[in-house]
Amino acid sequence: MNAFHGEGEEERTPRRARPRGRFQLTARGAAALESYRQGVLIAQSGPGGRLALEEFQTTWAQVCGIASRDALLLDEMATQPKNVTELSRGLDNCGMPKAAIESGIDRLAAVGLIDLAPSPAP
């Protein structure tokens, strides 16, 4: 079962991202993003160069239970909730396809770093 399937729903049915839903950082997601940003600054300023940065990113992602590229999604949602289309547009330069964004949303939601933002009142 993944983060957006309820009890009793079939596992074999792939969960599609909710195109009209917007996703936001949870408090844990904001803390994870802050630790990521701090770690990147430390790794970049240290003597290890690119290797130190890549090692930090890998370790950070393992500790969070996500993929290292999911940090891009957290960063995109840092200032306001976004849907898959908005995330896709924002990450177009990074070459992250929609399927990777949807998988990332699943991973981030499963570990409690993001959730669905409340719908705006009519």
PDB file of N, CA and C in Angstrom:
ATOM      1  N   MET A   1       0.847  -1.185   0.000  1.00  0.00           N
ATOM      2  CA  MET A   1       0.000   0.000   0.000  1.00  0.00           C
ATOM      3  C   MET A   1       0.886   1.240   0.000  1.00  0.00           C
ATOM      4  N   ASN A   2       0.537   2.248  -0.810  1.00  0.00           N
ATOM      5  CA  ASN A   2       1.318   3.477  -0.780  1.00  0.00           C
ATOM      6  C   ASN A   2       0.548   4.579  -0.070  1.00  0.00           C
ATOM      7  N   ALA A   3       1.109   5.759  -0.021  1.00  0.00           N
ATOM      8  CA  ALA A   3       0.585   6.828   0.809  1.00  0.00           C
ATOM      9  C   ALA A   3      -0.812   7.303   0.434  1.00  0.00           C
ATOM     10  N   PHE A   4      -1.235   7.125  -0.803  1.00  0.00           N
ATOM     11  CA  PHE A   4      -2.520   7.666  -1.202  1.00  0.00           C
ATOM     12  C   PHE A   4      -3.561   6.591  -1.472  1.00  0.00           C
ATOM     13  N   HIS A   5      -3.243   5.324  -1.241  1.00  0.00           N
ATOM     14  CA  HIS A   5      -4.225   4.258  -1.350  1.00  0.00           C
ATOM     15  C   HIS A   5      -4.783   3.991   0.033  1.00  0.00           C
ATOM     16  N   GLY A   6      -6.073   3.772   0.096  1.00  0.00           N
ATOM     17  CA  GLY A   6      -6.700   3.440   1.369  1.00  0.00           C
ATOM     18  C   GLY A   6      -6.630   1.951   1.625  1.00  0.00           C
ATOM     19  N   GLU A   7      -7.036   1.550   2.796  1.00  0.00           N
ATOM     20  CA  GLU A   7      -7.075   0.139   3.140  1.00  0.00           C
ATOM     21  C   GLU A   7      -8.011  -0.578   2.175  1.00  0.00           C
ATOM     22  N   GLY A   8      -7.627  -1.761   1.740  1.00  0.00           N
ATOM     23  CA  GLY A   8      -8.470  -2.562   0.884  1.00  0.00           C
ATOM     24  C   GLY A   8      -8.334  -2.284  -0.592  1.00  0.00           C
ATOM     25  N   GLU A   9      -7.674  -1.219  -0.986  1.00  0.00           N
ATOM     26  CA  GLU A   9      -7.480  -0.950  -2.398  1.00  0.00           C
ATOM     27  C   GLU A   9      -6.394  -1.861  -2.922  1.00  0.00           C
ATOM     28  N   GLU A  10      -6.516  -2.250  -4.148  1.00  0.00           N
ATOM     29  CA  GLU A  10      -5.587  -3.216  -4.726  1.00  0.00           C
ATOM     30  C   GLU A  10      -4.208  -2.620  -4.922  1.00  0.00           C
ATOM     31  N   GLU A  11      -3.214  -3.390  -4.510  1.00  0.00           N
ATOM     32  CA  GLU A  11      -1.823  -2.981  -4.672  1.00  0.00           C
ATOM     33  C   GLU A  11      -1.405  -2.937  -6.132  1.00  0.00           C
ATOM     34  N   ARG A  12      -1.965  -3.819  -6.958  1.00  0.00           N
ATOM     35  CA  ARG A  12      -1.509  -3.889  -8.342  1.00  0.00           C
ATOM     36  C   ARG A  12      -1.952  -2.692  -9.170  1.00  0.00           C
ATOM     37  N   THR A  13      -2.907  -1.925  -8.683  1.00  0.00           N
ATOM     38  CA  THR A  13      -3.334  -0.730  -9.394  1.00  0.00           C
ATOM     39  C   THR A  13      -2.337   0.379  -9.099  1.00  0.00           C
ATOM     40  N   PRO A  14      -1.625   0.844 -10.125  1.00  0.00           N
ATOM     41  CA  PRO A  14      -0.648   1.902  -9.851  1.00  0.00           C
ATOM     42  C   PRO A  14      -1.346   3.185  -9.437  1.00  0.00           C
ATOM     43  N   ARG A  15      -0.801   3.820  -8.447  1.00  0.00           N
ATOM     44  CA  ARG A  15      -1.347   5.091  -7.998  1.00  0.00           C
ATOM     45  C   ARG A  15      -0.857   6.183  -8.923  1.00  0.00           C
ATOM     46  N   ARG A  16      -1.769   6.902  -9.483  1.00  0.00           N
ATOM     47  CA  ARG A  16      -1.412   8.037 -10.322  1.00  0.00           C
ATOM     48  C   ARG A  16      -1.449   9.284  -9.456  1.00  0.00           C
ATOM     49  N   ALA A  17      -0.528  10.183  -9.694  1.00  0.00           N
ATOM     50  CA  ALA A  17      -0.536  11.435  -8.953  1.00  0.00           C
ATOM     51  C   ALA A  17      -1.846  12.153  -9.240  1.00  0.00           C
ATOM     52  N   ARG A  18      -2.327  12.840  -8.263  1.00  0.00           N
ATOM     53  CA  ARG A  18      -3.574  13.568  -8.438  1.00  0.00           C
ATOM     54  C   ARG A  18      -3.274  14.869  -9.165  1.00  0.00           C
ATOM     55  N   PRO A  19      -3.582  14.945 -10.468  1.00  0.00           N
ATOM     56  CA  PRO A  19      -3.180  16.104 -11.242  1.00  0.00           C
ATOM     57  C   PRO A  19      -3.758  17.412 -10.743  1.00  0.00           C
ATOM     58  N   ARG A  20      -4.904  17.361 -10.105  1.00  0.00           N
ATOM     59  CA  ARG A  20      -5.498  18.602  -9.598  1.00  0.00           C
ATOM     60  C   ARG A  20      -5.107  18.875  -8.146  1.00  0.00           C
ATOM     61  N   GLY A  21      -4.486  17.873  -7.522  1.00  0.00           N
ATOM     62  CA  GLY A  21      -4.083  18.046  -6.134  1.00  0.00           C
ATOM     63  C   GLY A  21      -2.744  18.767  -6.037  1.00  0.00           C
ATOM     64  N   ARG A  22      -2.613  19.563  -5.021  1.00  0.00           N
ATOM     65  CA  ARG A  22      -1.347  20.244  -4.758  1.00  0.00           C
ATOM     66  C   ARG A  22      -0.712  19.590  -3.534  1.00  0.00           C
ATOM     67  N   PHE A  23       0.579  19.483  -3.579  1.00  0.00           N
ATOM     68  CA  PHE A  23       1.322  18.845  -2.509  1.00  0.00           C
ATOM     69  C   PHE A  23       2.130  19.894  -1.768  1.00  0.00           C
ATOM     70  N   GLN A  24       2.247  19.705  -0.460  1.00  0.00           N
ATOM     71  CA  GLN A  24       2.982  20.655   0.374  1.00  0.00           C
ATOM     72  C   GLN A  24       3.916  19.907   1.302  1.00  0.00           C
ATOM     73  N   LEU A  25       4.921  20.616   1.766  1.00  0.00           N
ATOM     74  CA  LEU A  25       5.850  20.037   2.734  1.00  0.00           C
ATOM     75  C   LEU A  25       5.159  19.904   4.079  1.00  0.00           C
ATOM     76  N   THR A  26       5.451  18.834   4.768  1.00  0.00           N
ATOM     77  CA  THR A  26       5.057  18.705   6.167  1.00  0.00           C
ATOM     78  C   THR A  26       6.171  19.350   6.995  1.00  0.00           C
ATOM     79  N   ALA A  27       5.983  19.398   8.292  1.00  0.00           N
ATOM     80  CA  ALA A  27       7.054  19.925   9.157  1.00  0.00           C
ATOM     81  C   ALA A  27       8.317  19.071   8.996  1.00  0.00           C
ATOM     82  N   ARG A  28       8.135  17.745   8.894  1.00  0.00           N
ATOM     83  CA  ARG A  28       9.287  16.856   8.677  1.00  0.00           C
ATOM     84  C   ARG A  28       9.939  17.132   7.329  1.00  0.00           C
ATOM     85  N   GLY A  29       9.136  17.436   6.316  1.00  0.00           N
ATOM     86  CA  GLY A  29       9.673  17.740   4.996  1.00  0.00           C
ATOM     87  C   GLY A  29      10.483  19.027   5.007  1.00  0.00           C
ATOM     88  N   ALA A  30       9.976  20.035   5.713  1.00  0.00           N
ATOM     89  CA  ALA A  30      10.705  21.306   5.818  1.00  0.00           C
ATOM     90  C   ALA A  30      12.033  21.099   6.555  1.00  0.00           C
ATOM     91  N   ALA A  31      12.018  20.281   7.607  1.00  0.00           N
ATOM     92  CA  ALA A  31      13.254  20.002   8.351  1.00  0.00           C
ATOM     93  C   ALA A  31      14.234  19.219   7.481  1.00  0.00           C
ATOM     94  N   ALA A  32      13.728  18.264   6.708  1.00  0.00           N
ATOM     95  CA  ALA A  32      14.602  17.484   5.820  1.00  0.00           C
ATOM     96  C   ALA A  32      15.232  18.384   4.763  1.00  0.00           C
ATOM     97  N   LEU A  33      14.439  19.290   4.207  1.00  0.00           N
ATOM     98  CA  LEU A  33      14.964  20.213   3.192  1.00  0.00           C
ATOM     99  C   LEU A  33      16.018  21.127   3.800  1.00  0.00           C
ATOM    100  N   GLU A  34      15.780  21.614   5.002  1.00  0.00           N
ATOM    101  CA  GLU A  34      16.767  22.485   5.654  1.00  0.00           C
ATOM    102  C   GLU A  34      18.068  21.727   5.914  1.00  0.00           C
ATOM    103  N   SER A  35      17.958  20.476   6.354  1.00  0.00           N
ATOM    104  CA  SER A  35      19.180  19.704   6.598  1.00  0.00           C
ATOM    105  C   SER A  35      19.911  19.437   5.281  1.00  0.00           C
ATOM    106  N   TYR A  36      19.152  19.244   4.218  1.00  0.00           N
ATOM    107  CA  TYR A  36      19.755  19.044   2.897  1.00  0.00           C
ATOM    108  C   TYR A  36      20.525  20.301   2.475  1.00  0.00           C
ATOM    109  N   ARG A  37      19.874  21.442   2.593  1.00  0.00           N
ATOM    110  CA  ARG A  37      20.524  22.701   2.189  1.00  0.00           C
ATOM    111  C   ARG A  37      21.796  22.952   2.990  1.00  0.00           C
ATOM    112  N   GLN A  38      21.733  22.720   4.301  1.00  0.00           N
ATOM    113  CA  GLN A  38      22.917  22.909   5.142  1.00  0.00           C
ATOM    114  C   GLN A  38      24.027  21.930   4.758  1.00  0.00           C
ATOM    115  N   GLY A  39      23.663  20.693   4.518  1.00  0.00           N
ATOM    116  CA  GLY A  39      24.645  19.680   4.128  1.00  0.00           C
ATOM    117  C   GLY A  39      25.307  19.990   2.802  1.00  0.00           C
ATOM    118  N   VAL A  40      24.532  20.501   1.860  1.00  0.00           N
ATOM    119  CA  VAL A  40      25.099  20.883   0.560  1.00  0.00           C
ATOM    120  C   VAL A  40      26.114  22.005   0.739  1.00  0.00           C
ATOM    121  N   LEU A  41      25.767  23.002   1.546  1.00  0.00           N
ATOM    122  CA  LEU A  41      26.705  24.112   1.793  1.00  0.00           C
ATOM    123  C   LEU A  41      28.002  23.610   2.423  1.00  0.00           C
ATOM    124  N   ILE A  42      27.873  22.730   3.400  1.00  0.00           N
ATOM    125  CA  ILE A  42      29.063  22.186   4.069  1.00  0.00           C
ATOM    126  C   ILE A  42      29.899  21.365   3.088  1.00  0.00           C
ATOM    127  N   ALA A  43      29.234  20.510   2.312  1.00  0.00           N
ATOM    128  CA  ALA A  43      29.966  19.663   1.357  1.00  0.00           C
ATOM    129  C   ALA A  43      30.659  20.501   0.290  1.00  0.00           C
ATOM    130  N   GLN A  44      29.995  21.547  -0.175  1.00  0.00           N
ATOM    131  CA  GLN A  44      30.582  22.391  -1.213  1.00  0.00           C
ATOM    132  C   GLN A  44      31.745  23.220  -0.703  1.00  0.00           C
ATOM    133  N   SER A  45      31.723  23.557   0.581  1.00  0.00           N
ATOM    134  CA  SER A  45      32.800  24.395   1.111  1.00  0.00           C
ATOM    135  C   SER A  45      33.987  23.567   1.613  1.00  0.00           C
ATOM    136  N   GLY A  46      33.816  22.272   1.689  1.00  0.00           N
ATOM    137  CA  GLY A  46      34.884  21.401   2.180  1.00  0.00           C
ATOM    138  C   GLY A  46      35.854  21.011   1.089  1.00  0.00           C
ATOM    139  N   PRO A  47      36.891  20.273   1.470  1.00  0.00           N
ATOM    140  CA  PRO A  47      37.941  19.894   0.523  1.00  0.00           C
ATOM    141  C   PRO A  47      37.560  18.747  -0.416  1.00  0.00           C
ATOM    142  N   GLY A  48      36.455  18.069  -0.159  1.00  0.00           N
ATOM    143  CA  GLY A  48      36.112  16.881  -0.941  1.00  0.00           C
ATOM    144  C   GLY A  48      35.531  17.141  -2.316  1.00  0.00           C
ATOM    145  N   GLY A  49      35.123  18.375  -2.582  1.00  0.00           N
ATOM    146  CA  GLY A  49      34.584  18.727  -3.891  1.00  0.00           C
ATOM    147  C   GLY A  49      33.323  17.964  -4.250  1.00  0.00           C
ATOM    148  N   ARG A  50      33.213  17.652  -5.524  1.00  0.00           N
ATOM    149  CA  ARG A  50      32.020  16.987  -6.067  1.00  0.00           C
ATOM    150  C   ARG A  50      31.754  15.637  -5.403  1.00  0.00           C
ATOM    151  N   LEU A  51      32.803  14.899  -5.115  1.00  0.00           N
ATOM    152  CA  LEU A  51      32.646  13.592  -4.482  1.00  0.00           C
ATOM    153  C   LEU A  51      31.992  13.727  -3.105  1.00  0.00           C
ATOM    154  N   ALA A  52      32.425  14.709  -2.329  1.00  0.00           N
ATOM    155  CA  ALA A  52      31.844  14.931  -1.003  1.00  0.00           C
ATOM    156  C   ALA A  52      30.368  15.301  -1.118  1.00  0.00           C
ATOM    157  N   LEU A  53      30.041  16.110  -2.109  1.00  0.00           N
ATOM    158  CA  LEU A  53      28.648  16.496  -2.325  1.00  0.00           C
ATOM    159  C   LEU A  53      27.799  15.278  -2.676  1.00  0.00           C
ATOM    160  N   GLU A  54      28.265  14.465  -3.598  1.00  0.00           N
ATOM    161  CA  GLU A  54      27.518  13.271  -4.000  1.00  0.00           C
ATOM    162  C   GLU A  54      27.375  12.286  -2.843  1.00  0.00           C
ATOM    163  N   GLU A  55      28.419  12.132  -2.039  1.00  0.00           N
ATOM    164  CA  GLU A  55      28.338  11.251  -0.870  1.00  0.00           C
ATOM    165  C   GLU A  55      27.320  11.771   0.129  1.00  0.00           C
ATOM    166  N   PHE A  56      27.323  13.078   0.354  1.00  0.00           N
ATOM    167  CA  PHE A  56      26.338  13.661   1.262  1.00  0.00           C
ATOM    168  C   PHE A  56      24.923  13.428   0.742  1.00  0.00           C
ATOM    169  N   GLN A  57      24.690  13.705  -0.544  1.00  0.00           N
ATOM    170  CA  GLN A  57      23.357  13.546  -1.118  1.00  0.00           C
ATOM    171  C   GLN A  57      22.857  12.106  -0.987  1.00  0.00           C
ATOM    172  N   THR A  58      23.726  11.151  -1.243  1.00  0.00           N
ATOM    173  CA  THR A  58      23.352   9.742  -1.131  1.00  0.00           C
ATOM    174  C   THR A  58      23.006   9.377   0.305  1.00  0.00           C
ATOM    175  N   THR A  59      23.847   9.786   1.244  1.00  0.00           N
ATOM    176  CA  THR A  59      23.611   9.491   2.659  1.00  0.00           C
ATOM    177  C   THR A  59      22.335  10.161   3.148  1.00  0.00           C
ATOM    178  N   TRP A  60      22.144  11.421   2.795  1.00  0.00           N
ATOM    179  CA  TRP A  60      20.941  12.156   3.204  1.00  0.00           C
ATOM    180  C   TRP A  60      19.688  11.438   2.708  1.00  0.00           C
ATOM    181  N   ALA A  61      19.691  11.035   1.450  1.00  0.00           N
ATOM    182  CA  ALA A  61      18.527  10.367   0.874  1.00  0.00           C
ATOM    183  C   ALA A  61      18.258   9.038   1.570  1.00  0.00           C
ATOM    184  N   GLN A  62      19.312   8.280   1.866  1.00  0.00           N
ATOM    185  CA  GLN A  62      19.139   6.996   2.557  1.00  0.00           C
ATOM    186  C   GLN A  62      18.538   7.201   3.945  1.00  0.00           C
ATOM    187  N   VAL A  63      19.023   8.187   4.659  1.00  0.00           N
ATOM    188  CA  VAL A  63      18.499   8.478   5.993  1.00  0.00           C
ATOM    189  C   VAL A  63      17.022   8.866   5.915  1.00  0.00           C
ATOM    190  N   CYS A  64      16.661   9.632   4.887  1.00  0.00           N
ATOM    191  CA  CYS A  64      15.267  10.067   4.716  1.00  0.00           C
ATOM    192  C   CYS A  64      14.373   8.986   4.128  1.00  0.00           C
ATOM    193  N   GLY A  65      14.962   7.968   3.530  1.00  0.00           N
ATOM    194  CA  GLY A  65      14.182   6.911   2.907  1.00  0.00           C
ATOM    195  C   GLY A  65      13.627   7.271   1.547  1.00  0.00           C
ATOM    196  N   ILE A  66      14.346   8.129   0.825  1.00  0.00           N
ATOM    197  CA  ILE A  66      13.912   8.598  -0.487  1.00  0.00           C
ATOM    198  C   ILE A  66      15.076   8.521  -1.476  1.00  0.00           C
ATOM    199  N   ALA A  67      14.861   8.967  -2.695  1.00  0.00           N
ATOM    200  CA  ALA A  67      15.931   9.053  -3.685  1.00  0.00           C
ATOM    201  C   ALA A  67      16.568  10.444  -3.591  1.00  0.00           C
ATOM    202  N   SER A  68      17.843  10.533  -3.897  1.00  0.00           N
ATOM    203  CA  SER A  68      18.531  11.827  -3.767  1.00  0.00           C
ATOM    204  C   SER A  68      17.910  12.903  -4.648  1.00  0.00           C
ATOM    205  N   ARG A  69      17.396  12.525  -5.808  1.00  0.00           N
ATOM    206  CA  ARG A  69      16.793  13.546  -6.683  1.00  0.00           C
ATOM    207  C   ARG A  69      15.481  14.088  -6.122  1.00  0.00           C
ATOM    208  N   ASP A  70      14.904  13.431  -5.108  1.00  0.00           N
ATOM    209  CA  ASP A  70      13.672  13.920  -4.497  1.00  0.00           C
ATOM    210  C   ASP A  70      13.878  15.251  -3.784  1.00  0.00           C
ATOM    211  N   ALA A  71      15.122  15.586  -3.494  1.00  0.00           N
ATOM    212  CA  ALA A  71      15.410  16.891  -2.894  1.00  0.00           C
ATOM    213  C   ALA A  71      14.951  18.017  -3.813  1.00  0.00           C
ATOM    214  N   LEU A  72      15.023  17.789  -5.123  1.00  0.00           N
ATOM    215  CA  LEU A  72      14.549  18.792  -6.076  1.00  0.00           C
ATOM    216  C   LEU A  72      13.056  19.055  -5.899  1.00  0.00           C
ATOM    217  N   LEU A  73      12.299  18.000  -5.646  1.00  0.00           N
ATOM    218  CA  LEU A  73      10.862  18.155  -5.439  1.00  0.00           C
ATOM    219  C   LEU A  73      10.576  18.914  -4.150  1.00  0.00           C
ATOM    220  N   LEU A  74      11.294  18.560  -3.087  1.00  0.00           N
ATOM    221  CA  LEU A  74      11.112  19.279  -1.824  1.00  0.00           C
ATOM    222  C   LEU A  74      11.405  20.763  -2.009  1.00  0.00           C
ATOM    223  N   ASP A  75      12.476  21.056  -2.724  1.00  0.00           N
ATOM    224  CA  ASP A  75      12.852  22.449  -2.939  1.00  0.00           C
ATOM    225  C   ASP A  75      11.792  23.197  -3.743  1.00  0.00           C
ATOM    226  N   GLU A  76      11.214  22.535  -4.734  1.00  0.00           N
ATOM    227  CA  GLU A  76      10.159  23.167  -5.538  1.00  0.00           C
ATOM    228  C   GLU A  76       8.913  23.475  -4.716  1.00  0.00           C
ATOM    229  N   MET A  77       8.646  22.654  -3.704  1.00  0.00           N
ATOM    230  CA  MET A  77       7.450  22.854  -2.876  1.00  0.00           C
ATOM    231  C   MET A  77       7.732  23.697  -1.635  1.00  0.00           C
ATOM    232  N   ALA A  78       8.935  24.208  -1.506  1.00  0.00           N
ATOM    233  CA  ALA A  78       9.328  24.916  -0.284  1.00  0.00           C
ATOM    234  C   ALA A  78       8.517  26.182  -0.031  1.00  0.00           C
ATOM    235  N   THR A  79       8.165  26.900  -1.072  1.00  0.00           N
ATOM    236  CA  THR A  79       7.496  28.184  -0.865  1.00  0.00           C
ATOM    237  C   THR A  79       5.984  28.115  -0.971  1.00  0.00           C
ATOM    238  N   GLN A  80       5.487  27.123  -1.723  1.00  0.00           N
ATOM    239  CA  GLN A  80       4.035  26.984  -1.849  1.00  0.00           C
ATOM    240  C   GLN A  80       3.692  25.602  -2.382  1.00  0.00           C
ATOM    241  N   PRO A  81       2.476  25.137  -2.091  1.00  0.00           N
ATOM    242  CA  PRO A  81       2.058  23.840  -2.620  1.00  0.00           C
ATOM    243  C   PRO A  81       2.045  23.847  -4.144  1.00  0.00           C
ATOM    244  N   LYS A  82       2.369  22.704  -4.736  1.00  0.00           N
ATOM    245  CA  LYS A  82       2.394  22.594  -6.195  1.00  0.00           C
ATOM    246  C   LYS A  82       1.801  21.271  -6.630  1.00  0.00           C
ATOM    247  N   ASN A  83       1.224  21.275  -7.832  1.00  0.00           N
ATOM    248  CA  ASN A  83       0.717  20.029  -8.407  1.00  0.00           C
ATOM    249  C   ASN A  83       1.771  19.464  -9.358  1.00  0.00           C
ATOM    250  N   VAL A  84       1.468  18.311  -9.930  1.00  0.00           N
ATOM    251  CA  VAL A  84       2.441  17.626 -10.785  1.00  0.00           C
ATOM    252  C   VAL A  84       2.819  18.489 -11.989  1.00  0.00           C
ATOM    253  N   THR A  85       1.851  19.146 -12.588  1.00  0.00           N
ATOM    254  CA  THR A  85       2.131  19.992 -13.755  1.00  0.00           C
ATOM    255  C   THR A  85       3.068  21.128 -13.391  1.00  0.00           C
ATOM    256  N   GLU A  86       2.824  21.773 -12.266  1.00  0.00           N
ATOM    257  CA  GLU A  86       3.691  22.875 -11.829  1.00  0.00           C
ATOM    258  C   GLU A  86       5.091  22.370 -11.491  1.00  0.00           C
ATOM    259  N   LEU A  87       5.166  21.215 -10.859  1.00  0.00           N
ATOM    260  CA  LEU A  87       6.477  20.631 -10.555  1.00  0.00           C
ATOM    261  C   LEU A  87       7.218  20.295 -11.843  1.00  0.00           C
ATOM    262  N   SER A  88       6.489  19.751 -12.798  1.00  0.00           N
ATOM    263  CA  SER A  88       7.074  19.391 -14.095  1.00  0.00           C
ATOM    264  C   SER A  88       7.643  20.624 -14.793  1.00  0.00           C
ATOM    265  N   ARG A  89       6.873  21.682 -14.783  1.00  0.00           N
ATOM    266  CA  ARG A  89       7.319  22.942 -15.388  1.00  0.00           C
ATOM    267  C   ARG A  89       8.556  23.481 -14.677  1.00  0.00           C
ATOM    268  N   GLY A  90       8.530  23.447 -13.356  1.00  0.00           N
ATOM    269  CA  GLY A  90       9.643  23.971 -12.568  1.00  0.00           C
ATOM    270  C   GLY A  90      10.920  23.167 -12.701  1.00  0.00           C
ATOM    271  N   LEU A  91      10.782  21.876 -12.995  1.00  0.00           N
ATOM    272  CA  LEU A  91      11.953  20.997 -13.086  1.00  0.00           C
ATOM    273  C   LEU A  91      12.300  20.639 -14.519  1.00  0.00           C
ATOM    274  N   ASP A  92      11.712  21.330 -15.467  1.00  0.00           N
ATOM    275  CA  ASP A  92      11.944  21.059 -16.879  1.00  0.00           C
ATOM    276  C   ASP A  92      13.428  21.125 -17.239  1.00  0.00           C
ATOM    277  N   ASN A  93      14.145  22.090 -16.694  1.00  0.00           N
ATOM    278  CA  ASN A  93      15.584  22.247 -16.983  1.00  0.00           C
ATOM    279  C   ASN A  93      16.414  21.092 -16.432  1.00  0.00           C
ATOM    280  N   CYS A  94      15.897  20.414 -15.412  1.00  0.00           N
ATOM    281  CA  CYS A  94      16.643  19.326 -14.768  1.00  0.00           C
ATOM    282  C   CYS A  94      16.488  18.000 -15.498  1.00  0.00           C
ATOM    283  N   GLY A  95      15.597  17.955 -16.463  1.00  0.00           N
ATOM    284  CA  GLY A  95      15.381  16.726 -17.204  1.00  0.00           C
ATOM    285  C   GLY A  95      14.662  15.646 -16.403  1.00  0.00           C
ATOM    286  N   MET A  96      13.880  16.049 -15.404  1.00  0.00           N
ATOM    287  CA  MET A  96      13.136  15.072 -14.606  1.00  0.00           C
ATOM    288  C   MET A  96      11.777  14.846 -15.267  1.00  0.00           C
ATOM    289  N   PRO A  97      11.549  13.654 -15.820  1.00  0.00           N
ATOM    290  CA  PRO A  97      10.277  13.382 -16.487  1.00  0.00           C
ATOM    291  C   PRO A  97       9.121  13.279 -15.492  1.00  0.00           C
ATOM    292  N   LYS A  98       7.920  13.419 -16.020  1.00  0.00           N
ATOM    293  CA  LYS A  98       6.714  13.381 -15.186  1.00  0.00           C
ATOM    294  C   LYS A  98       6.641  12.095 -14.369  1.00  0.00           C
ATOM    295  N   ALA A  99       6.999  10.964 -14.953  1.00  0.00           N
ATOM    296  CA  ALA A  99       6.953   9.688 -14.228  1.00  0.00           C
ATOM    297  C   ALA A  99       7.881   9.722 -13.012  1.00  0.00           C
ATOM    298  N   ALA A 100       9.041  10.341 -13.139  1.00  0.00           N
ATOM    299  CA  ALA A 100       9.977  10.443 -12.016  1.00  0.00           C
ATOM    300  C   ALA A 100       9.419  11.373 -10.937  1.00  0.00           C
ATOM    301  N   ILE A 101       8.718  12.414 -11.358  1.00  0.00           N
ATOM    302  CA  ILE A 101       8.088  13.332 -10.400  1.00  0.00           C
ATOM    303  C   ILE A 101       7.002  12.587  -9.626  1.00  0.00           C
ATOM    304  N   GLU A 102       6.185  11.816 -10.337  1.00  0.00           N
ATOM    305  CA  GLU A 102       5.120  11.055  -9.684  1.00  0.00           C
ATOM    306  C   GLU A 102       5.693  10.021  -8.712  1.00  0.00           C
ATOM    307  N   SER A 103       6.757   9.347  -9.104  1.00  0.00           N
ATOM    308  CA  SER A 103       7.409   8.378  -8.211  1.00  0.00           C
ATOM    309  C   SER A 103       7.980   9.080  -6.988  1.00  0.00           C
ATOM    310  N   GLY A 104       8.574  10.236  -7.215  1.00  0.00           N
ATOM    311  CA  GLY A 104       9.120  11.015  -6.104  1.00  0.00           C
ATOM    312  C   GLY A 104       8.042  11.449  -5.131  1.00  0.00           C
ATOM    313  N   ILE A 105       6.897  11.865  -5.658  1.00  0.00           N
ATOM    314  CA  ILE A 105       5.776  12.246  -4.802  1.00  0.00           C
ATOM    315  C   ILE A 105       5.347  11.055  -3.953  1.00  0.00           C
ATOM    316  N   ASP A 106       5.274   9.891  -4.571  1.00  0.00           N
ATOM    317  CA  ASP A 106       4.923   8.683  -3.812  1.00  0.00           C
ATOM    318  C   ASP A 106       5.915   8.428  -2.680  1.00  0.00           C
ATOM    319  N   ARG A 107       7.211   8.524  -2.983  1.00  0.00           N
ATOM    320  CA  ARG A 107       8.234   8.272  -1.956  1.00  0.00           C
ATOM    321  C   ARG A 107       8.147   9.307  -0.836  1.00  0.00           C
ATOM    322  N   LEU A 108       8.039  10.577  -1.204  1.00  0.00           N
ATOM    323  CA  LEU A 108       7.996  11.649  -0.208  1.00  0.00           C
ATOM    324  C   LEU A 108       6.765  11.528   0.687  1.00  0.00           C
ATOM    325  N   ALA A 109       5.629  11.178   0.094  1.00  0.00           N
ATOM    326  CA  ALA A 109       4.401  11.017   0.881  1.00  0.00           C
ATOM    327  C   ALA A 109       4.499   9.794   1.789  1.00  0.00           C
ATOM    328  N   ALA A 110       5.088   8.725   1.284  1.00  0.00           N
ATOM    329  CA  ALA A 110       5.184   7.483   2.060  1.00  0.00           C
ATOM    330  C   ALA A 110       5.987   7.665   3.341  1.00  0.00           C
ATOM    331  N   VAL A 111       6.977   8.554   3.317  1.00  0.00           N
ATOM    332  CA  VAL A 111       7.797   8.776   4.518  1.00  0.00           C
ATOM    333  C   VAL A 111       7.368  10.036   5.299  1.00  0.00           C
ATOM    334  N   GLY A 112       6.274  10.636   4.873  1.00  0.00           N
ATOM    335  CA  GLY A 112       5.718  11.766   5.616  1.00  0.00           C
ATOM    336  C   GLY A 112       6.392  13.106   5.409  1.00  0.00           C
ATOM    337  N   LEU A 113       7.088  13.273   4.295  1.00  0.00           N
ATOM    338  CA  LEU A 113       7.728  14.562   4.018  1.00  0.00           C
ATOM    339  C   LEU A 113       6.833  15.538   3.277  1.00  0.00           C
ATOM    340  N   ILE A 114       5.800  15.008   2.606  1.00  0.00           N
ATOM    341  CA  ILE A 114       4.801  15.854   1.948  1.00  0.00           C
ATOM    342  C   ILE A 114       3.428  15.262   2.201  1.00  0.00           C
ATOM    343  N   ASP A 115       2.407  16.084   1.986  1.00  0.00           N
ATOM    344  CA  ASP A 115       1.036  15.602   1.979  1.00  0.00           C
ATOM    345  C   ASP A 115       0.228  16.480   1.045  1.00  0.00           C
ATOM    346  N   LEU A 116      -1.026  16.109   0.851  1.00  0.00           N
ATOM    347  CA  LEU A 116      -1.896  16.915  -0.005  1.00  0.00           C
ATOM    348  C   LEU A 116      -2.250  18.201   0.725  1.00  0.00           C
ATOM    349  N   ALA A 117      -2.145  19.308   0.011  1.00  0.00           N
ATOM    350  CA  ALA A 117      -2.532  20.594   0.581  1.00  0.00           C
ATOM    351  C   ALA A 117      -4.047  20.682   0.610  1.00  0.00           C
ATOM    352  N   PRO A 118      -4.602  21.380   1.569  1.00  0.00           N
ATOM    353  CA  PRO A 118      -6.058  21.543   1.592  1.00  0.00           C
ATOM    354  C   PRO A 118      -6.517  22.287   0.333  1.00  0.00           C
ATOM    355  N   SER A 119      -7.670  21.907  -0.163  1.00  0.00           N
ATOM    356  CA  SER A 119      -8.237  22.603  -1.329  1.00  0.00           C
ATOM    357  C   SER A 119      -8.653  23.991  -0.896  1.00  0.00           C
ATOM    358  N   PRO A 120      -8.468  24.972  -1.794  1.00  0.00           N
ATOM    359  CA  PRO A 120      -8.896  26.334  -1.443  1.00  0.00           C
ATOM    360  C   PRO A 120     -10.423  26.383  -1.294  1.00  0.00           C
ATOM    361  N   ALA A 121     -10.880  27.210  -0.392  1.00  0.00           N
ATOM    362  CA  ALA A 121     -12.324  27.364  -0.169  1.00  0.00           C
ATOM    363  C   ALA A 121     -12.955  28.002  -1.417  1.00  0.00           C
ATOM    364  N   PRO A 122     -14.173  27.567  -1.761  1.00  0.00           N
ATOM    365  CA  PRO A 122     -14.833  28.135  -2.966  1.00  0.00           C
ATOM    366  C   PRO A 122     -15.221  29.577  -2.773  1.00  0.00           C
TER     367      PRO A 122
END
